[in-house]
């Protein structure tokens, strides 16, 4: 192969490695965001359950005051 072809191959290999590194980083961020979203959804569910319990125990006017 010619020197120009080798240089182009090397450059393409570097670009490929850089692209794979970026893709890997994005996949890790997406994974972390999915975990955070899952945790937030769980918390929201728990808050809703607590809110329902408050409605059973406290007068409705008190619950409205506490929540808003």
C-alpha atoms as a PDB file:
ATOM      1  CA  UNK A   1       0.000   0.000   0.000  1.00  0.00           C
ATOM      2  CA  UNK A   2       1.028   3.527  -0.484  1.00  0.00           C
ATOM      3  CA  UNK A   3       1.894   5.845   2.345  1.00  0.00           C
ATOM      4  CA  UNK A   4      -1.213   7.942   1.682  1.00  0.00           C
ATOM      5  CA  UNK A   5      -3.442   4.865   1.995  1.00  0.00           C
ATOM      6  CA  UNK A   6      -1.779   3.892   5.282  1.00  0.00           C
ATOM      7  CA  UNK A   7      -2.255   7.374   6.668  1.00  0.00           C
ATOM      8  CA  UNK A   8      -5.920   7.337   5.711  1.00  0.00           C
ATOM      9  CA  UNK A   9      -6.372   3.913   7.330  1.00  0.00           C
ATOM     10  CA  UNK A  10      -4.724   5.122  10.530  1.00  0.00           C
ATOM     11  CA  UNK A  11      -6.870   8.231  10.575  1.00  0.00           C
ATOM     12  CA  UNK A  12     -10.027   6.193  10.033  1.00  0.00           C
ATOM     13  CA  UNK A  13      -9.030   3.848  12.873  1.00  0.00           C
ATOM     14  CA  UNK A  14      -8.499   6.815  15.219  1.00  0.00           C
ATOM     15  CA  UNK A  15     -11.894   8.232  14.234  1.00  0.00           C
ATOM     16  CA  UNK A  16     -13.495   4.843  14.821  1.00  0.00           C
ATOM     17  CA  UNK A  17     -11.970   4.582  18.322  1.00  0.00           C
ATOM     18  CA  UNK A  18     -13.069   8.132  19.148  1.00  0.00           C
ATOM     19  CA  UNK A  19     -16.608   7.398  17.945  1.00  0.00           C
ATOM     20  CA  UNK A  20     -16.785   4.204  20.006  1.00  0.00           C
ATOM     21  CA  UNK A  21     -15.556   6.085  23.073  1.00  0.00           C
ATOM     22  CA  UNK A  22     -18.280   8.709  22.626  1.00  0.00           C
ATOM     23  CA  UNK A  23     -20.930   6.027  22.105  1.00  0.00           C
ATOM     24  CA  UNK A  24     -19.788   4.190  25.237  1.00  0.00           C
ATOM     25  CA  UNK A  25     -19.942   7.407  27.263  1.00  0.00           C
ATOM     26  CA  UNK A  26     -23.455   8.155  26.001  1.00  0.00           C
ATOM     27  CA  UNK A  27     -24.620   4.623  26.825  1.00  0.00           C
ATOM     28  CA  UNK A  28     -23.317   5.023  30.383  1.00  0.00           C
ATOM     29  CA  UNK A  29     -25.128   8.345  30.780  1.00  0.00           C
ATOM     30  CA  UNK A  30     -28.363   6.876  29.449  1.00  0.00           C
ATOM     31  CA  UNK A  31     -28.052   3.973  31.902  1.00  0.00           C
ATOM     32  CA  UNK A  32     -27.563   6.389  34.820  1.00  0.00           C
ATOM     33  CA  UNK A  33     -30.505   8.526  33.706  1.00  0.00           C
ATOM     34  CA  UNK A  34     -32.720   5.435  33.482  1.00  0.00           C
ATOM     35  CA  UNK A  35     -31.770   4.522  37.065  1.00  0.00           C
ATOM     36  CA  UNK A  36     -32.517   8.065  38.288  1.00  0.00           C
ATOM     37  CA  UNK A  37     -35.846   8.078  36.453  1.00  0.00           C
ATOM     38  CA  UNK A  38     -36.740   4.715  37.970  1.00  0.00           C
ATOM     39  CA  UNK A  39     -35.881   6.026  41.435  1.00  0.00           C
ATOM     40  CA  UNK A  40     -37.933   9.187  40.924  1.00  0.00           C
ATOM     41  CA  UNK A  41     -40.908   7.171  39.708  1.00  0.00           C
ATOM     42  CA  UNK A  42     -40.689   5.035  42.837  1.00  0.00           C
ATOM     43  CA  UNK A  43     -40.593   8.144  45.048  1.00  0.00           C
ATOM     44  CA  UNK A  44     -43.579   9.656  43.248  1.00  0.00           C
ATOM     45  CA  UNK A  45     -45.512   6.426  43.762  1.00  0.00           C
ATOM     46  CA  UNK A  46     -44.674   6.452  47.452  1.00  0.00           C
ATOM     47  CA  UNK A  47     -45.739  10.094  47.765  1.00  0.00           C
ATOM     48  CA  UNK A  48     -49.054   9.303  46.123  1.00  0.00           C
ATOM     49  CA  UNK A  49     -49.602   6.421  48.523  1.00  0.00           C
ATOM     50  CA  UNK A  50     -48.775   8.723  51.459  1.00  0.00           C
ATOM     51  CA  UNK A  51     -51.155  11.349  50.101  1.00  0.00           C
ATOM     52  CA  UNK A  52     -53.945   8.752  49.956  1.00  0.00           C
ATOM     53  CA  UNK A  53     -53.220   7.803  53.559  1.00  0.00           C
ATOM     54  CA  UNK A  54     -53.374  11.453  54.601  1.00  0.00           C
ATOM     55  CA  UNK A  55     -56.817  11.768  53.047  1.00  0.00           C
ATOM     56  CA  UNK A  56     -58.000   8.834  55.166  1.00  0.00           C
ATOM     57  CA  UNK A  57     -56.600  10.212  58.427  1.00  0.00           C
ATOM     58  CA  UNK A  58     -56.774  14.025  58.239  1.00  0.00           C
ATOM     59  CA  UNK A  59     -59.618  16.301  57.257  1.00  0.00           C
ATOM     60  CA  UNK A  60     -59.472  17.132  53.560  1.00  0.00           C
ATOM     61  CA  UNK A  61     -58.874  20.865  54.192  1.00  0.00           C
ATOM     62  CA  UNK A  62     -55.720  20.081  56.187  1.00  0.00           C
ATOM     63  CA  UNK A  63     -54.332  17.827  53.480  1.00  0.00           C
ATOM     64  CA  UNK A  64     -54.936  20.467  50.829  1.00  0.00           C
ATOM     65  CA  UNK A  65     -53.113  23.004  52.988  1.00  0.00           C
ATOM     66  CA  UNK A  66     -50.155  20.681  53.555  1.00  0.00           C
ATOM     67  CA  UNK A  67     -49.786  19.713  49.912  1.00  0.00           C
ATOM     68  CA  UNK A  68     -50.144  23.118  48.317  1.00  0.00           C
END
